[in-house]
Amino acid sequence: MLQGAPRTRPHGSEQALREAYDTALLDLDGVVYVAGAAVPHAVRSLAAARDAGMRLAYVTNNAFRTPEAVAAHLTRLGLPARATDVITSAQAVARLVDGQLPAGARVLAVGGEGLRAALRERGLRLVDSADDDPAAVVQGYGGPEMPWERLGEAAIAVGRGALWFASNTDMTVPGERGVLPGNGAAVEVVRAATRWLREPPEPQIAGKPRPPMHRETILRTGARRPLVVGDRLDTDIEGAHAGEVDSLLVLTGVTDGAQLLAAPPEHRPVYVARDLRELSQAQPEVTGDAGAGFGCGGWIATAGDEDLALEGEGEGLDGLRALCGAAWTAAGDGTCALDAGKALARLGL
């Protein structure tokens, strides 16, 4: 896919996606599992894609666990995986740090074992205190039991001039009982504690949607025709857009229909799916234009002065695809502010 004019509708594909692309770059949380349990249809759909010749690579912004731990979890779910199938933002940020510091440099790691292991793999020396004079502070998700004192050490070290890195800045992560603070929230704590500086620093960020994560993924997978599969517009889909890679949004995670219709150009996926079963299917075309309306399946969507209208009947997802055509065309290179409530209610989305 080449960058150009803003996307005005989801694309179609005559081939099943597992045949059109050689590698699926799969987000984990919200796509493959939620709070550790497999998303419905995910295991069977991915096994079928793998059996059809598609390589599966698991690409996560979560830096908490090691690739070995993630692979073991996937294997328990019924998706046999190796550590080399997993790419994390911890690996991406470790490469970023390694490129700017001498071998054996001292680094204050504030995060889980996944982050610490990735930094050690690069030959960096881990320290636990700002008094150890670290050359850099690296933050990654540390789990719900992250000690407050670790953030204090990070703030002191950054305040003393250490370089500042973050694996990612996702503000939230899904949990068994609801949404939890993510690494982005921890980064904001350090940011708030260093505002007293004359020139407050900004962290260098490696994870999706930033280029270091895309570079790490391509280096580790060697994908030639990759398809990014994700549930978040602001990380998965924006990251694919930045890397000029096609993307599939699945509606099994955090993104709902209203958010999709309001997406700015960099958040508009190439394909839209209810779940991972779509990997084994061709994708329908969205036809028409702003004058005649946008059609998909048995639906026609149009943009009025105040709202989006939908006529017809059929598969709800086709109606959503038609609505995307109307909303994204009306928005151009901006965001669509038209009311889509009644149209989405007809689709049950």
Protein backbone atom coordinates (compact mmCIF):
# COMPACT_ATOMS: atom_id res chain seq x y z
CA MET A 1 0.00 0.00 0.00
CA LEU A 2 1.29 3.45 -0.89
CA GLN A 3 0.51 6.66 0.96
CA GLY A 4 -1.54 9.19 -0.99
CA ALA A 5 -4.98 10.73 -0.80
CA PRO A 6 -6.94 9.92 2.39
CA ARG A 7 -8.70 6.54 2.30
CA THR A 8 -12.39 7.08 1.66
CA ARG A 9 -13.67 3.52 2.13
CA PRO A 10 -12.54 0.07 3.26
CA HIS A 11 -11.00 -1.97 0.45
CA GLY A 12 -12.23 -5.23 -1.01
CA SER A 13 -10.19 -8.33 -1.79
CA GLU A 14 -11.10 -11.12 -4.19
CA GLN A 15 -8.68 -13.40 -2.36
CA ALA A 16 -8.97 -14.53 1.22
CA LEU A 17 -6.68 -12.33 3.29
CA ARG A 18 -4.64 -15.34 4.41
CA GLU A 19 -3.80 -15.90 0.74
CA ALA A 20 -3.24 -12.26 -0.24
CA TYR A 21 -0.62 -11.65 2.50
CA ASP A 22 2.32 -13.78 3.61
CA THR A 23 2.48 -12.69 7.26
CA ALA A 24 -0.11 -11.59 9.80
CA LEU A 25 1.36 -9.11 12.28
CA LEU A 26 -1.09 -9.74 15.09
CA ASP A 27 -1.69 -7.56 18.09
CA LEU A 28 -2.42 -9.65 21.18
CA ASP A 29 -4.62 -7.83 23.72
CA GLY A 30 -8.09 -7.50 22.21
CA VAL A 31 -7.23 -9.53 19.09
CA VAL A 32 -5.95 -12.94 20.20
CA TYR A 33 -6.85 -12.80 23.88
CA VAL A 34 -8.46 -10.55 26.49
CA ALA A 35 -7.29 -10.78 30.11
CA GLY A 36 -5.49 -14.01 29.21
CA ALA A 37 -8.49 -15.85 27.72
CA ALA A 38 -8.72 -16.47 23.99
CA VAL A 39 -11.02 -14.19 22.00
CA PRO A 40 -13.89 -16.22 20.49
CA HIS A 41 -12.95 -17.79 17.13
CA ALA A 42 -9.32 -16.59 17.41
CA VAL A 43 -7.56 -19.91 17.96
CA ARG A 44 -9.38 -21.82 15.23
CA SER A 45 -9.12 -18.93 12.74
CA LEU A 46 -5.39 -18.44 13.27
CA ALA A 47 -4.70 -22.17 13.09
CA ALA A 48 -6.54 -22.28 9.75
CA ALA A 49 -4.55 -19.30 8.45
CA ARG A 50 -1.28 -20.92 9.51
CA ASP A 51 -2.26 -24.22 7.87
CA ALA A 52 -3.00 -22.31 4.66
CA GLY A 53 0.59 -21.02 4.61
CA MET A 54 0.29 -17.65 6.37
CA ARG A 55 3.01 -16.92 8.93
CA LEU A 56 1.75 -15.71 12.30
CA ALA A 57 3.79 -13.10 14.16
CA TYR A 58 2.56 -11.67 17.45
CA VAL A 59 3.37 -7.98 17.86
CA THR A 60 2.57 -6.41 21.21
CA ASN A 61 3.11 -3.05 22.84
CA ASN A 62 3.00 -4.75 26.22
CA ALA A 63 6.60 -4.94 27.48
CA PHE A 64 5.78 -6.77 30.71
CA ARG A 65 6.38 -10.40 29.70
CA THR A 66 9.27 -11.99 27.85
CA PRO A 67 8.72 -13.44 24.35
CA GLU A 68 9.21 -16.89 25.89
CA ALA A 69 6.38 -16.28 28.37
CA VAL A 70 4.07 -14.94 25.66
CA ALA A 71 4.83 -17.92 23.40
CA ALA A 72 4.10 -20.33 26.25
CA HIS A 73 0.77 -18.58 26.88
CA LEU A 74 -0.21 -18.81 23.21
CA THR A 75 0.74 -22.49 23.16
CA ARG A 76 -1.50 -23.15 26.16
CA LEU A 77 -4.36 -21.47 24.32
CA GLY A 78 -3.90 -23.88 21.43
CA LEU A 79 -1.66 -21.77 19.20
CA PRO A 80 1.78 -23.41 19.23
CA ALA A 81 4.31 -20.56 19.16
CA ARG A 82 8.03 -19.98 19.64
CA ALA A 83 9.71 -17.00 21.26
CA THR A 84 10.91 -15.93 17.81
CA ASP A 85 7.25 -15.53 16.76
CA VAL A 86 6.77 -12.76 19.35
CA ILE A 87 7.91 -9.15 18.91
CA THR A 88 7.50 -6.77 21.84
CA SER A 89 7.93 -3.07 22.40
CA ALA A 90 10.59 -4.03 24.96
CA GLN A 91 12.73 -5.40 22.13
CA ALA A 92 12.10 -2.28 20.05
CA VAL A 93 13.04 0.13 22.84
CA ALA A 94 16.12 -1.94 23.75
CA ARG A 95 17.40 -1.61 20.17
CA LEU A 96 16.66 2.14 20.31
CA VAL A 97 18.61 2.54 23.57
CA ASP A 98 21.49 0.38 22.36
CA GLY A 99 21.89 2.58 19.31
CA GLN A 100 22.53 5.66 21.46
CA LEU A 101 24.62 4.35 24.36
CA PRO A 102 28.01 2.63 24.55
CA ALA A 103 28.25 -1.07 25.27
CA GLY A 104 27.68 -1.89 28.92
CA ALA A 105 26.08 1.47 29.72
CA ARG A 106 24.08 1.65 32.94
CA VAL A 107 20.30 1.80 32.50
CA LEU A 108 17.54 2.23 35.07
CA ALA A 109 14.76 -0.11 33.92
CA VAL A 110 11.29 0.62 35.26
CA GLY A 111 9.08 -2.25 34.17
CA GLY A 112 8.62 -5.99 34.12
CA GLU A 113 10.94 -8.87 33.27
CA GLY A 114 10.20 -8.52 29.56
CA LEU A 115 11.80 -5.09 29.53
CA ARG A 116 14.73 -6.13 31.69
CA ALA A 117 15.46 -9.21 29.59
CA ALA A 118 15.40 -7.20 26.35
CA LEU A 119 17.85 -4.65 27.74
CA ARG A 120 20.19 -7.36 29.04
CA GLU A 121 20.05 -9.02 25.62
CA ARG A 122 21.57 -5.82 24.21
CA GLY A 123 24.44 -5.93 26.69
CA LEU A 124 23.21 -3.03 28.82
CA ARG A 125 23.87 -3.00 32.57
CA LEU A 126 20.75 -2.66 34.71
CA VAL A 127 20.73 -0.59 37.90
CA ASP A 128 17.98 0.05 40.43
CA SER A 129 18.67 3.54 41.73
CA ALA A 130 19.11 7.05 40.36
CA ASP A 131 22.18 7.19 42.63
CA ASP A 132 23.85 4.56 40.42
CA ASP A 133 24.25 7.32 37.78
CA PRO A 134 22.33 5.63 34.94
CA ALA A 135 22.86 6.98 31.44
CA ALA A 136 19.21 6.31 30.61
CA VAL A 137 15.82 5.57 32.12
CA VAL A 138 13.65 3.06 30.25
CA GLN A 139 9.99 2.66 31.15
CA GLY A 140 7.82 -0.32 30.23
CA TYR A 141 4.57 -1.67 31.64
CA GLY A 142 5.31 -3.07 35.08
CA GLY A 143 1.98 -4.66 35.90
CA PRO A 144 -0.63 -3.55 38.44
CA GLU A 145 1.80 -4.01 41.33
CA MET A 146 4.46 -1.60 40.05
CA PRO A 147 6.04 -0.02 43.18
CA TRP A 148 5.55 3.73 43.37
CA GLU A 149 9.17 4.10 44.45
CA ARG A 150 10.32 2.85 41.01
CA LEU A 151 8.61 5.82 39.37
CA GLY A 152 10.28 8.07 41.92
CA GLU A 153 13.71 6.73 40.98
CA ALA A 154 12.89 7.29 37.31
CA ALA A 155 11.83 10.88 37.93
CA ILE A 156 15.00 11.65 39.91
CA ALA A 157 17.25 10.15 37.24
CA VAL A 158 15.49 12.00 34.41
CA GLY A 159 15.67 15.19 36.45
CA ARG A 160 19.45 14.70 36.72
CA GLY A 161 19.81 14.46 32.95
CA ALA A 162 19.51 10.77 32.09
CA LEU A 163 18.15 10.02 28.64
CA TRP A 164 14.50 8.98 28.82
CA PHE A 165 12.91 6.14 26.84
CA ALA A 166 9.51 4.45 26.90
CA SER A 167 8.52 1.14 25.37
CA ASN A 168 5.11 2.61 24.53
CA THR A 169 2.61 5.15 25.78
CA ASP A 170 -0.67 3.19 25.74
CA MET A 171 -2.67 4.86 28.48
CA THR A 172 -4.70 1.74 29.32
CA VAL A 173 -4.53 -2.05 29.25
CA PRO A 174 -7.47 -4.47 29.51
CA GLY A 175 -7.88 -6.36 32.77
CA GLU A 176 -10.17 -9.06 34.09
CA ARG A 177 -12.30 -6.53 36.03
CA GLY A 178 -12.04 -3.59 33.64
CA VAL A 179 -9.62 -1.11 32.12
CA LEU A 180 -6.33 -0.56 33.96
CA PRO A 181 -3.62 2.14 33.72
CA GLY A 182 -1.01 1.31 31.11
CA ASN A 183 2.59 2.36 30.61
CA GLY A 184 1.46 5.71 29.22
CA ALA A 185 -0.02 6.54 32.61
CA ALA A 186 3.30 5.72 34.28
CA VAL A 187 5.13 7.89 31.76
CA GLU A 188 2.79 10.76 32.64
CA VAL A 189 3.76 10.40 36.32
CA VAL A 190 7.42 10.94 35.45
CA ARG A 191 6.51 13.77 33.09
CA ALA A 192 4.57 15.53 35.85
CA ALA A 193 7.45 15.08 38.29
CA THR A 194 9.96 16.69 35.91
CA ARG A 195 7.95 19.76 34.86
CA TRP A 196 10.05 21.87 37.21
CA LEU A 197 13.00 21.61 34.80
CA ARG A 198 13.71 24.65 32.66
CA GLU A 199 13.44 22.45 29.57
CA PRO A 200 11.24 19.47 30.55
CA PRO A 201 12.35 16.39 28.62
CA GLU A 202 10.25 14.16 26.39
CA PRO A 203 10.75 10.40 26.24
CA GLN A 204 11.83 8.63 23.07
CA ILE A 205 9.04 6.15 22.35
CA ALA A 206 9.57 2.85 20.56
CA GLY A 207 6.21 1.07 20.49
CA LYS A 208 3.31 1.25 18.10
CA PRO A 209 2.56 3.48 16.25
CA ARG A 210 6.17 4.74 16.22
CA PRO A 211 8.67 3.67 13.50
CA PRO A 212 11.06 1.75 15.85
CA MET A 213 8.37 -0.88 16.47
CA HIS A 214 7.64 -1.32 12.78
CA ARG A 215 11.37 -1.57 12.06
CA GLU A 216 11.83 -4.19 14.80
CA THR A 217 8.92 -6.21 13.45
CA ILE A 218 10.16 -6.27 9.87
CA LEU A 219 13.73 -7.08 10.96
CA ARG A 220 12.56 -10.02 13.06
CA THR A 221 9.93 -11.46 10.68
CA GLY A 222 11.34 -10.69 7.24
CA ALA A 223 7.74 -10.24 6.03
CA ARG A 224 7.35 -9.28 2.36
CA ARG A 225 3.56 -8.85 2.23
CA PRO A 226 2.56 -8.19 5.84
CA LEU A 227 -0.94 -7.48 7.11
CA VAL A 228 -1.23 -5.68 10.45
CA VAL A 229 -4.17 -7.04 12.46
CA GLY A 230 -5.28 -4.98 15.44
CA ASP A 231 -8.12 -3.61 17.52
CA ARG A 232 -6.78 -0.12 18.28
CA LEU A 233 -6.93 2.75 15.83
CA ASP A 234 -4.30 4.87 17.57
CA THR A 235 -1.62 2.16 17.79
CA ASP A 236 -2.20 -0.78 15.45
CA ILE A 237 -3.84 1.03 12.54
CA GLU A 238 -1.82 4.24 12.84
CA GLY A 239 1.35 2.17 13.06
CA ALA A 240 0.43 0.32 9.86
CA HIS A 241 -0.33 3.64 8.16
CA ALA A 242 3.05 5.06 9.22
CA GLY A 243 4.82 1.95 7.95
CA GLU A 244 2.84 1.92 4.68
CA VAL A 245 1.49 -1.55 5.44
CA ASP A 246 -2.07 -2.78 4.91
CA SER A 247 -4.21 -3.26 8.01
CA LEU A 248 -7.23 -5.19 9.25
CA LEU A 249 -9.26 -3.82 12.16
CA VAL A 250 -11.12 -6.41 14.22
CA LEU A 251 -13.99 -5.32 16.45
CA THR A 252 -13.12 -7.68 19.32
CA GLY A 253 -11.22 -5.10 21.38
CA VAL A 254 -11.47 -1.43 22.24
CA THR A 255 -12.71 0.13 18.98
CA ASP A 256 -16.43 0.46 18.30
CA GLY A 257 -18.40 1.51 15.23
CA ALA A 258 -18.70 5.17 16.19
CA GLN A 259 -14.95 5.52 16.70
CA LEU A 260 -14.28 3.85 13.36
CA LEU A 261 -16.59 6.23 11.49
CA ALA A 262 -14.91 9.24 13.13
CA ALA A 263 -11.39 8.02 12.32
CA PRO A 264 -8.97 10.56 10.80
CA PRO A 265 -6.99 9.37 7.75
CA GLU A 266 -4.11 7.83 9.71
CA HIS A 267 -6.58 5.73 11.74
CA ARG A 268 -8.57 4.30 8.81
CA PRO A 269 -7.93 0.59 8.27
CA VAL A 270 -7.74 -1.01 4.84
CA TYR A 271 -10.13 -3.79 5.91
CA VAL A 272 -12.77 -4.07 8.63
CA ALA A 273 -13.76 -7.36 10.29
CA ARG A 274 -15.93 -8.52 13.13
CA ASP A 275 -13.25 -11.01 14.25
CA LEU A 276 -10.37 -13.15 13.00
CA ARG A 277 -12.62 -15.41 10.93
CA GLU A 278 -12.31 -12.75 8.23
CA LEU A 279 -8.74 -13.88 7.54
CA SER A 280 -10.17 -16.84 5.65
CA GLN A 281 -12.63 -14.78 3.62
CA ALA A 282 -12.60 -12.46 0.64
CA GLN A 283 -13.50 -8.87 1.44
CA PRO A 284 -16.51 -7.18 -0.22
CA GLU A 285 -16.11 -3.99 -2.19
CA VAL A 286 -17.71 -0.74 -1.09
CA THR A 287 -19.16 0.83 -4.22
CA GLY A 288 -20.71 4.18 -5.12
CA ASP A 289 -19.93 7.79 -4.35
CA ALA A 290 -21.12 10.78 -2.33
CA GLY A 291 -23.90 11.51 -4.82
CA ALA A 292 -25.47 8.08 -5.14
CA GLY A 293 -24.47 6.78 -1.72
CA PHE A 294 -22.08 4.02 -0.74
CA GLY A 295 -23.17 0.42 -1.04
CA CYS A 296 -21.98 -2.84 0.47
CA GLY A 297 -24.01 -6.01 0.64
CA GLY A 298 -27.64 -4.96 0.86
CA TRP A 299 -26.95 -1.55 2.40
CA ILE A 300 -26.71 2.01 1.07
CA ALA A 301 -25.17 4.74 3.27
CA THR A 302 -25.34 8.48 2.70
CA ALA A 303 -24.07 11.56 4.50
CA GLY A 304 -26.55 14.33 5.21
CA ASP A 305 -26.09 17.76 6.73
CA GLU A 306 -26.29 16.47 10.29
CA ASP A 307 -26.20 12.69 10.27
CA LEU A 308 -25.36 9.50 8.44
CA ALA A 309 -28.30 7.59 6.99
CA LEU A 310 -28.53 3.89 6.20
CA GLU A 311 -31.06 2.06 4.04
CA GLY A 312 -31.49 -1.59 3.14
CA GLU A 313 -30.78 -4.80 5.04
CA GLY A 314 -28.21 -7.54 5.27
CA GLU A 315 -25.07 -8.42 7.22
CA GLY A 316 -24.38 -5.75 9.83
CA LEU A 317 -20.68 -5.56 9.05
CA ASP A 318 -21.46 -4.72 5.42
CA GLY A 319 -23.59 -1.84 6.66
CA LEU A 320 -20.68 -0.59 8.74
CA ARG A 321 -18.39 -0.76 5.72
CA ALA A 322 -20.88 1.28 3.69
CA LEU A 323 -21.11 3.83 6.51
CA CYS A 324 -17.31 4.10 6.52
CA GLY A 325 -17.48 5.10 2.86
CA ALA A 326 -19.99 7.85 3.56
CA ALA A 327 -18.29 9.10 6.74
CA TRP A 328 -14.69 9.06 5.49
CA THR A 329 -15.61 10.72 2.19
CA ALA A 330 -17.51 13.46 4.01
CA ALA A 331 -14.59 13.97 6.41
CA GLY A 332 -11.85 14.12 3.75
CA ASP A 333 -8.58 14.62 5.61
CA GLY A 334 -10.38 15.41 8.87
CA THR A 335 -12.79 13.59 11.15
CA CYS A 336 -16.48 12.95 10.59
CA ALA A 337 -18.69 14.69 13.17
CA LEU A 338 -22.01 13.55 11.67
CA ASP A 339 -24.37 11.71 14.02
CA ALA A 340 -24.25 7.97 13.30
CA GLY A 341 -26.32 6.80 16.29
CA LYS A 342 -29.48 5.72 14.44
CA ALA A 343 -27.54 4.07 11.63
CA LEU A 344 -25.36 2.07 14.01
CA ALA A 345 -28.37 1.07 16.09
CA ARG A 346 -29.87 -0.56 12.98
CA LEU A 347 -26.74 -2.69 12.69
CA GLY A 348 -26.55 -3.60 16.35
CA LEU A 349 -23.09 -2.01 16.53
